[in-house]
Amino acid sequence: MIRFWLTATLALAAATAPVLAQAPPSGGFQPMAPSSAPIAPSSSVGTSRGPGLVTGSPGSPQTVMTPGSAVPGTMMNNGNGTSSIMTPGAPSQVVPTPR
């Protein structure tokens, strides 16, 4: 019985030793490096509820936050100087395309 206990104890110690060796070094908080990702340009567009904040790259569907809406909408360029804004739970709007 003692031989079994000694073998089990040594096996457990050997199994946990690598885990203890992998402990993070002490030294406190190390801040992350600043991200080099480009910041999406933003502009404003007049909506029926007031100026909406538009983010994203022109030429692709853009995100728009309209005043009074809890969810963002999508703005798509119609190609004729207007854009369509679609927000869940609200009627779609046609607005002049921001420049």
N, C-alpha and C. Protein backbone atom coordinates (compact mmCIF):
# COMPACT_ATOMS: atom_id res chain seq x y z
N MET A 1 0.81 -1.19 0.00
CA MET A 1 0.00 0.00 0.00
C MET A 1 0.86 1.26 0.00
N ILE A 2 1.93 1.25 0.76
CA ILE A 2 2.83 2.40 0.82
C ILE A 2 3.50 2.61 -0.53
N ARG A 3 3.85 1.52 -1.20
CA ARG A 3 4.49 1.62 -2.50
C ARG A 3 3.53 2.28 -3.50
N PHE A 4 2.24 1.90 -3.46
CA PHE A 4 1.24 2.49 -4.34
C PHE A 4 1.09 3.99 -4.06
N TRP A 5 1.03 4.34 -2.77
CA TRP A 5 0.86 5.74 -2.38
C TRP A 5 2.06 6.57 -2.85
N LEU A 6 3.28 6.04 -2.68
CA LEU A 6 4.49 6.73 -3.08
C LEU A 6 4.53 6.89 -4.60
N THR A 7 4.15 5.87 -5.35
CA THR A 7 4.14 5.94 -6.81
C THR A 7 3.11 6.96 -7.28
N ALA A 8 1.94 6.95 -6.69
CA ALA A 8 0.89 7.90 -7.07
C ALA A 8 1.31 9.33 -6.75
N THR A 9 1.95 9.56 -5.64
CA THR A 9 2.40 10.89 -5.26
C THR A 9 3.48 11.40 -6.21
N LEU A 10 4.42 10.55 -6.57
CA LEU A 10 5.48 10.95 -7.50
C LEU A 10 4.91 11.22 -8.89
N ALA A 11 3.94 10.42 -9.32
CA ALA A 11 3.32 10.64 -10.63
C ALA A 11 2.57 11.97 -10.65
N LEU A 12 1.87 12.27 -9.58
CA LEU A 12 1.14 13.54 -9.49
C LEU A 12 2.11 14.72 -9.48
N ALA A 13 3.19 14.61 -8.78
CA ALA A 13 4.18 15.68 -8.73
C ALA A 13 4.82 15.89 -10.11
N ALA A 14 5.09 14.80 -10.81
CA ALA A 14 5.69 14.91 -12.14
C ALA A 14 4.70 15.53 -13.13
N ALA A 15 3.41 15.25 -12.96
CA ALA A 15 2.40 15.79 -13.87
C ALA A 15 2.17 17.28 -13.65
N THR A 16 2.31 17.76 -12.44
CA THR A 16 2.05 19.17 -12.15
C THR A 16 3.29 20.04 -12.28
N ALA A 17 4.46 19.46 -12.32
CA ALA A 17 5.70 20.25 -12.40
C ALA A 17 5.75 21.11 -13.66
N PRO A 18 5.43 20.59 -14.87
CA PRO A 18 5.47 21.45 -16.05
C PRO A 18 4.46 22.59 -15.98
N VAL A 19 3.33 22.37 -15.34
CA VAL A 19 2.32 23.42 -15.21
C VAL A 19 2.86 24.56 -14.36
N LEU A 20 3.54 24.24 -13.31
CA LEU A 20 4.11 25.27 -12.45
C LEU A 20 5.21 26.03 -13.17
N ALA A 21 5.96 25.35 -14.05
CA ALA A 21 7.04 26.00 -14.77
C ALA A 21 6.50 26.97 -15.82
N GLN A 22 5.23 26.86 -16.21
CA GLN A 22 4.66 27.71 -17.23
C GLN A 22 3.93 28.92 -16.64
N ALA A 23 4.07 29.18 -15.38
CA ALA A 23 3.41 30.32 -14.76
C ALA A 23 3.91 31.61 -15.39
N PRO A 24 3.03 32.60 -15.60
CA PRO A 24 3.45 33.86 -16.21
C PRO A 24 4.41 34.60 -15.29
N PRO A 25 5.37 35.32 -15.86
CA PRO A 25 6.31 36.06 -15.04
C PRO A 25 5.61 37.20 -14.32
N SER A 26 6.06 37.46 -13.11
CA SER A 26 5.49 38.59 -12.39
C SER A 26 6.12 39.87 -12.94
N GLY A 27 5.43 40.94 -12.83
CA GLY A 27 5.95 42.19 -13.36
C GLY A 27 4.82 43.17 -13.58
N GLY A 28 3.63 42.73 -13.31
CA GLY A 28 2.50 43.64 -13.43
C GLY A 28 1.90 43.68 -14.82
N PHE A 29 1.15 44.70 -15.04
CA PHE A 29 0.41 44.89 -16.28
C PHE A 29 1.33 45.32 -17.41
N GLN A 30 1.18 44.70 -18.57
CA GLN A 30 1.94 45.11 -19.74
C GLN A 30 0.96 45.56 -20.81
N PRO A 31 0.95 46.83 -21.18
CA PRO A 31 -0.02 47.32 -22.15
C PRO A 31 0.22 46.74 -23.53
N MET A 32 -0.85 46.63 -24.31
CA MET A 32 -0.75 46.13 -25.68
C MET A 32 -0.23 47.24 -26.58
N ALA A 33 0.40 46.83 -27.67
CA ALA A 33 0.89 47.79 -28.65
C ALA A 33 -0.30 48.40 -29.39
N PRO A 34 -0.21 49.65 -29.80
CA PRO A 34 -1.32 50.26 -30.52
C PRO A 34 -1.57 49.54 -31.84
N SER A 35 -2.82 49.47 -32.22
CA SER A 35 -3.20 48.79 -33.45
C SER A 35 -2.86 49.66 -34.65
N SER A 36 -2.42 49.00 -35.71
CA SER A 36 -2.10 49.75 -36.92
C SER A 36 -3.24 49.67 -37.93
N ALA A 37 -4.42 49.15 -37.50
CA ALA A 37 -5.56 49.05 -38.40
C ALA A 37 -6.07 50.44 -38.74
N PRO A 38 -6.41 50.66 -40.01
CA PRO A 38 -6.91 51.99 -40.39
C PRO A 38 -8.27 52.26 -39.78
N ILE A 39 -8.49 53.50 -39.46
CA ILE A 39 -9.77 53.93 -38.90
C ILE A 39 -10.70 54.26 -40.06
N ALA A 40 -11.91 53.70 -39.99
CA ALA A 40 -12.87 53.94 -41.07
C ALA A 40 -13.28 55.41 -41.07
N PRO A 41 -13.34 56.02 -42.26
CA PRO A 41 -13.77 57.42 -42.31
C PRO A 41 -15.23 57.54 -41.92
N SER A 42 -15.58 58.68 -41.36
CA SER A 42 -16.98 58.90 -40.98
C SER A 42 -17.44 60.24 -41.55
N SER A 43 -18.73 60.30 -41.80
CA SER A 43 -19.33 61.53 -42.29
C SER A 43 -20.73 61.61 -41.74
N SER A 44 -21.45 62.65 -42.11
CA SER A 44 -22.80 62.86 -41.63
C SER A 44 -23.74 62.94 -42.83
N VAL A 45 -24.95 62.43 -42.65
CA VAL A 45 -25.96 62.49 -43.70
C VAL A 45 -27.28 62.93 -43.05
N GLY A 46 -28.02 63.78 -43.75
CA GLY A 46 -29.30 64.24 -43.22
C GLY A 46 -30.37 63.17 -43.38
N THR A 47 -31.02 62.80 -42.29
CA THR A 47 -32.11 61.82 -42.31
C THR A 47 -33.38 62.48 -41.81
N SER A 48 -34.48 61.75 -41.85
CA SER A 48 -35.74 62.31 -41.38
C SER A 48 -35.73 62.56 -39.88
N ARG A 49 -34.82 61.95 -39.15
CA ARG A 49 -34.72 62.14 -37.70
C ARG A 49 -33.58 63.05 -37.28
N GLY A 50 -32.82 63.55 -38.22
CA GLY A 50 -31.68 64.41 -37.91
C GLY A 50 -30.43 63.84 -38.54
N PRO A 51 -29.29 64.43 -38.25
CA PRO A 51 -28.05 63.98 -38.87
C PRO A 51 -27.66 62.57 -38.40
N GLY A 52 -27.35 61.69 -39.35
CA GLY A 52 -26.91 60.34 -39.03
C GLY A 52 -25.42 60.21 -39.24
N LEU A 53 -24.76 59.45 -38.40
CA LEU A 53 -23.32 59.24 -38.48
C LEU A 53 -23.06 58.04 -39.39
N VAL A 54 -22.31 58.26 -40.45
CA VAL A 54 -22.01 57.23 -41.44
C VAL A 54 -20.56 56.79 -41.27
N THR A 55 -20.32 55.48 -41.20
CA THR A 55 -18.96 54.95 -41.12
C THR A 55 -18.80 53.87 -42.17
N GLY A 56 -17.59 53.67 -42.62
CA GLY A 56 -17.29 52.65 -43.61
C GLY A 56 -16.70 53.28 -44.86
N SER A 57 -16.30 52.44 -45.76
CA SER A 57 -15.67 52.89 -47.00
C SER A 57 -16.72 53.17 -48.06
N PRO A 58 -16.59 54.30 -48.76
CA PRO A 58 -17.51 54.56 -49.86
C PRO A 58 -17.39 53.47 -50.93
N GLY A 59 -18.48 53.17 -51.58
CA GLY A 59 -18.47 52.14 -52.61
C GLY A 59 -18.93 50.79 -52.11
N SER A 60 -19.05 50.64 -50.81
CA SER A 60 -19.57 49.40 -50.23
C SER A 60 -20.69 49.78 -49.27
N PRO A 61 -21.50 48.83 -48.86
CA PRO A 61 -22.52 49.19 -47.86
C PRO A 61 -21.87 49.79 -46.63
N GLN A 62 -22.40 50.91 -46.16
CA GLN A 62 -21.86 51.60 -45.00
C GLN A 62 -22.83 51.48 -43.84
N THR A 63 -22.32 51.64 -42.64
CA THR A 63 -23.14 51.62 -41.43
C THR A 63 -23.55 53.04 -41.11
N VAL A 64 -24.81 53.22 -40.70
CA VAL A 64 -25.29 54.54 -40.34
C VAL A 64 -26.08 54.45 -39.03
N MET A 65 -25.80 55.37 -38.11
CA MET A 65 -26.55 55.48 -36.85
C MET A 65 -27.44 56.70 -36.96
N THR A 66 -28.74 56.48 -36.90
CA THR A 66 -29.68 57.60 -36.97
C THR A 66 -30.14 57.96 -35.57
N PRO A 67 -30.41 59.24 -35.31
CA PRO A 67 -30.87 59.65 -33.98
C PRO A 67 -32.18 58.95 -33.63
N GLY A 68 -32.29 58.50 -32.41
CA GLY A 68 -33.50 57.85 -31.92
C GLY A 68 -33.59 56.38 -32.22
N SER A 69 -32.62 55.80 -32.92
CA SER A 69 -32.64 54.38 -33.23
C SER A 69 -31.64 53.66 -32.36
N ALA A 70 -32.06 52.53 -31.82
CA ALA A 70 -31.16 51.76 -30.95
C ALA A 70 -30.23 50.84 -31.73
N VAL A 71 -30.54 50.61 -33.01
CA VAL A 71 -29.73 49.71 -33.83
C VAL A 71 -29.18 50.45 -35.04
N PRO A 72 -27.99 50.08 -35.50
CA PRO A 72 -27.45 50.73 -36.70
C PRO A 72 -28.17 50.25 -37.96
N GLY A 73 -28.17 51.08 -38.95
CA GLY A 73 -28.74 50.73 -40.24
C GLY A 73 -27.65 50.58 -41.28
N THR A 74 -28.06 50.25 -42.49
CA THR A 74 -27.14 50.09 -43.60
C THR A 74 -27.46 51.13 -44.66
N MET A 75 -26.43 51.79 -45.17
CA MET A 75 -26.63 52.77 -46.23
C MET A 75 -25.93 52.27 -47.48
N MET A 76 -26.68 52.21 -48.58
CA MET A 76 -26.13 51.75 -49.86
C MET A 76 -26.29 52.83 -50.90
N ASN A 77 -25.22 53.10 -51.65
CA ASN A 77 -25.22 54.12 -52.69
C ASN A 77 -26.05 53.62 -53.87
N ASN A 78 -27.00 54.44 -54.33
CA ASN A 78 -27.84 54.07 -55.47
C ASN A 78 -27.16 54.37 -56.81
N GLY A 79 -26.08 55.12 -56.81
CA GLY A 79 -25.35 55.42 -58.03
C GLY A 79 -25.88 56.61 -58.80
N ASN A 80 -26.87 57.30 -58.27
CA ASN A 80 -27.44 58.46 -58.97
C ASN A 80 -27.45 59.71 -58.09
N GLY A 81 -26.55 59.75 -57.11
CA GLY A 81 -26.49 60.90 -56.20
C GLY A 81 -27.33 60.72 -54.95
N THR A 82 -28.02 59.59 -54.83
CA THR A 82 -28.80 59.31 -53.62
C THR A 82 -28.34 57.99 -53.03
N SER A 83 -28.68 57.79 -51.78
CA SER A 83 -28.37 56.54 -51.09
C SER A 83 -29.62 56.09 -50.35
N SER A 84 -29.76 54.79 -50.18
CA SER A 84 -30.88 54.21 -49.43
C SER A 84 -30.39 53.80 -48.06
N ILE A 85 -31.16 54.19 -47.03
CA ILE A 85 -30.85 53.81 -45.65
C ILE A 85 -31.91 52.81 -45.21
N MET A 86 -31.47 51.65 -44.75
CA MET A 86 -32.36 50.62 -44.25
C MET A 86 -32.00 50.33 -42.81
N THR A 87 -32.95 50.54 -41.91
CA THR A 87 -32.76 50.30 -40.49
C THR A 87 -33.82 49.31 -40.04
N PRO A 88 -33.45 48.26 -39.30
CA PRO A 88 -34.44 47.30 -38.84
C PRO A 88 -35.53 47.98 -38.01
N GLY A 89 -36.78 47.70 -38.32
CA GLY A 89 -37.91 48.25 -37.57
C GLY A 89 -38.32 49.64 -38.00
N ALA A 90 -37.74 50.16 -39.06
CA ALA A 90 -38.07 51.51 -39.53
C ALA A 90 -38.21 51.47 -41.05
N PRO A 91 -39.00 52.39 -41.60
CA PRO A 91 -39.11 52.41 -43.07
C PRO A 91 -37.79 52.86 -43.70
N SER A 92 -37.52 52.39 -44.93
CA SER A 92 -36.30 52.80 -45.60
C SER A 92 -36.42 54.26 -46.05
N GLN A 93 -35.27 54.91 -46.20
CA GLN A 93 -35.22 56.32 -46.58
C GLN A 93 -34.26 56.49 -47.75
N VAL A 94 -34.55 57.44 -48.60
CA VAL A 94 -33.64 57.82 -49.68
C VAL A 94 -33.12 59.21 -49.32
N VAL A 95 -31.78 59.34 -49.26
CA VAL A 95 -31.14 60.59 -48.85
C VAL A 95 -30.06 60.93 -49.87
N PRO A 96 -29.66 62.20 -49.92
CA PRO A 96 -28.52 62.56 -50.79
C PRO A 96 -27.26 61.85 -50.30
N THR A 97 -26.47 61.37 -51.23
CA THR A 97 -25.23 60.67 -50.88
C THR A 97 -24.24 61.67 -50.28
N PRO A 98 -23.69 61.36 -49.08
CA PRO A 98 -22.69 62.26 -48.48
C PRO A 98 -21.41 62.26 -49.31
N ARG A 99 -20.73 63.38 -49.32
CA ARG A 99 -19.48 63.49 -50.09
C ARG A 99 -18.30 63.42 -49.21
